[in-house]
C-alpha atoms as a PDB file:
ATOM      1  CA  UNK A   1     102.329 116.610 103.137  1.00  0.00           C
ATOM      2  CA  UNK A   2     105.274 114.369 105.500  1.00  0.00           C
ATOM      3  CA  UNK A   3     105.735 110.604 104.155  1.00  0.00           C
ATOM      4  CA  UNK A   4     103.963 109.589 107.913  1.00  0.00           C
ATOM      5  CA  UNK A   5     101.627 111.878 107.357  1.00  0.00           C
ATOM      6  CA  UNK A   6     100.329 110.474 104.043  1.00  0.00           C
ATOM      7  CA  UNK A   7     100.831 106.993 105.670  1.00  0.00           C
ATOM      8  CA  UNK A   8      98.194 108.001 108.292  1.00  0.00           C
ATOM      9  CA  UNK A   9      95.802 109.109 105.975  1.00  0.00           C
ATOM     10  CA  UNK A  10      96.331 105.598 104.254  1.00  0.00           C
ATOM     11  CA  UNK A  11      95.924 103.450 107.493  1.00  0.00           C
ATOM     12  CA  UNK A  12      92.639 105.953 107.691  1.00  0.00           C
ATOM     13  CA  UNK A  13      91.622 104.169 104.316  1.00  0.00           C
ATOM     14  CA  UNK A  14      92.487 100.406 105.387  1.00  0.00           C
ATOM     15  CA  UNK A  15      90.181  97.815 105.705  1.00  0.00           C
ATOM     16  CA  UNK A  16      90.914  97.225 109.863  1.00  0.00           C
ATOM     17  CA  UNK A  17      94.275  94.922 110.738  1.00  0.00           C
ATOM     18  CA  UNK A  18      95.417  96.020 107.571  1.00  0.00           C
ATOM     19  CA  UNK A  19      99.307  96.521 107.200  1.00  0.00           C
ATOM     20  CA  UNK A  20     100.292  99.764 104.683  1.00  0.00           C
ATOM     21  CA  UNK A  21     103.457 100.133 103.176  1.00  0.00           C
ATOM     22  CA  UNK A  22     104.256 103.027 101.092  1.00  0.00           C
ATOM     23  CA  UNK A  23     106.251 103.159  98.473  1.00  0.00           C
ATOM     24  CA  UNK A  24     108.928 106.164  99.216  1.00  0.00           C
ATOM     25  CA  UNK A  25     111.635 105.546  96.606  1.00  0.00           C
ATOM     26  CA  UNK A  26     113.556 102.631  96.363  1.00  0.00           C
ATOM     27  CA  UNK A  27     112.183 101.121 100.106  1.00  0.00           C
ATOM     28  CA  UNK A  28     108.769  99.958 100.959  1.00  0.00           C
ATOM     29  CA  UNK A  29     107.862 101.965 104.580  1.00  0.00           C
ATOM     30  CA  UNK A  30     105.678 101.297 107.376  1.00  0.00           C
ATOM     31  CA  UNK A  31     105.649 103.245 109.939  1.00  0.00           C
ATOM     32  CA  UNK A  32     104.712 103.594 113.534  1.00  0.00           C
ATOM     33  CA  UNK A  33     102.526 100.103 114.972  1.00  0.00           C
ATOM     34  CA  UNK A  34     102.939  98.330 111.823  1.00  0.00           C
ATOM     35  CA  UNK A  35     106.354  99.145 111.601  1.00  0.00           C
ATOM     36  CA  UNK A  36     106.841  97.812 115.110  1.00  0.00           C
ATOM     37  CA  UNK A  37     104.330  94.551 114.530  1.00  0.00           C
ATOM     38  CA  UNK A  38     106.307  94.380 110.813  1.00  0.00           C
ATOM     39  CA  UNK A  39     109.824  94.299 113.222  1.00  0.00           C
ATOM     40  CA  UNK A  40     108.329  92.702 115.890  1.00  0.00           C
ATOM     41  CA  UNK A  41     107.398  89.640 113.276  1.00  0.00           C
ATOM     42  CA  UNK A  42     109.960  89.540 111.192  1.00  0.00           C
ATOM     43  CA  UNK A  43     112.784  90.570 112.901  1.00  0.00           C
ATOM     44  CA  UNK A  44     113.974  93.173 111.189  1.00  0.00           C
ATOM     45  CA  UNK A  45     114.872  96.848 111.867  1.00  0.00           C
ATOM     46  CA  UNK A  46     113.305  99.786 113.576  1.00  0.00           C
ATOM     47  CA  UNK A  47     114.399 102.602 112.878  1.00  0.00           C
ATOM     48  CA  UNK A  48     112.687 107.091 113.395  1.00  0.00           C
ATOM     49  CA  UNK A  49     111.131 108.440 110.243  1.00  0.00           C
ATOM     50  CA  UNK A  50     111.153 111.913 112.669  1.00  0.00           C
ATOM     51  CA  UNK A  51     108.800 110.344 115.847  1.00  0.00           C
ATOM     52  CA  UNK A  52     107.849 107.948 113.745  1.00  0.00           C
ATOM     53  CA  UNK A  53     108.900 104.014 114.677  1.00  0.00           C
ATOM     54  CA  UNK A  54     109.280 103.171 110.624  1.00  0.00           C
ATOM     55  CA  UNK A  55     110.473  99.770 109.127  1.00  0.00           C
ATOM     56  CA  UNK A  56     111.717 100.096 105.125  1.00  0.00           C
ATOM     57  CA  UNK A  57     111.508  97.368 102.977  1.00  0.00           C
ATOM     58  CA  UNK A  58     113.590  96.993  99.966  1.00  0.00           C
ATOM     59  CA  UNK A  59     111.419  97.450  96.691  1.00  0.00           C
ATOM     60  CA  UNK A  60     113.066  93.904  95.674  1.00  0.00           C
ATOM     61  CA  UNK A  61     112.004  91.980  98.692  1.00  0.00           C
ATOM     62  CA  UNK A  62     108.474  93.500  99.556  1.00  0.00           C
ATOM     63  CA  UNK A  63     106.681  90.420  97.908  1.00  0.00           C
ATOM     64  CA  UNK A  64     108.130  88.399  99.547  1.00  0.00           C
ATOM     65  CA  UNK A  65     108.285  90.054 103.263  1.00  0.00           C
ATOM     66  CA  UNK A  66     103.991  90.276 102.659  1.00  0.00           C
ATOM     67  CA  UNK A  67     104.456  86.319 101.596  1.00  0.00           C
ATOM     68  CA  UNK A  68     105.765  85.980 105.620  1.00  0.00           C
ATOM     69  CA  UNK A  69     103.294  87.787 106.914  1.00  0.00           C
ATOM     70  CA  UNK A  70     100.306  86.281 105.145  1.00  0.00           C
ATOM     71  CA  UNK A  71     101.628  82.971 105.266  1.00  0.00           C
ATOM     72  CA  UNK A  72     103.127  82.874 109.229  1.00  0.00           C
ATOM     73  CA  UNK A  73     101.198  85.149 110.494  1.00  0.00           C
ATOM     74  CA  UNK A  74      97.659  85.680 108.540  1.00  0.00           C
ATOM     75  CA  UNK A  75      98.538  89.379 108.629  1.00  0.00           C
ATOM     76  CA  UNK A  76      97.315  90.973 104.953  1.00  0.00           C
ATOM     77  CA  UNK A  77      98.776  93.169 103.789  1.00  0.00           C
ATOM     78  CA  UNK A  78      99.114  96.219 101.341  1.00  0.00           C
ATOM     79  CA  UNK A  79     100.860  97.927  99.169  1.00  0.00           C
ATOM     80  CA  UNK A  80      99.717 102.028  98.751  1.00  0.00           C
ATOM     81  CA  UNK A  81     101.791 104.445  96.776  1.00  0.00           C
ATOM     82  CA  UNK A  82      99.207 107.283  96.481  1.00  0.00           C
ATOM     83  CA  UNK A  83      97.036 107.849  99.476  1.00  0.00           C
ATOM     84  CA  UNK A  84      93.495 108.489  96.702  1.00  0.00           C
ATOM     85  CA  UNK A  85      94.372 104.134  95.434  1.00  0.00           C
ATOM     86  CA  UNK A  86      92.293 103.544  97.958  1.00  0.00           C
ATOM     87  CA  UNK A  87      89.197 105.800  97.307  1.00  0.00           C
ATOM     88  CA  UNK A  88      88.835 102.880  94.196  1.00  0.00           C
END
C-alpha cells in the first residue's frame, strides 16, 4: 500500500472536516484536499507525491502546525501512524 493509499484509508475513517497527518519517516504528511487546505491557510509549500498534492511537516514542527490550525483557523487535526489506530 502506498503512502497516499494509506492516507486515503485513514482519511475515510477520520471525523468529518478533520485534517489527517500521516507519519512518514521524519515527516508528517497530508495529501489531496487536506494538503491544499494546509498550504493555503498556513502558507506552506505544496508538493506532489505521485499525482497527489502533498504538504510535509518536519516531526519537530507538527505540534506548532496543529496549534496554528486550531487556534487561527478553528480546524482540528489528527496525527496517525497506523490506519488501524482509527478503529479504537
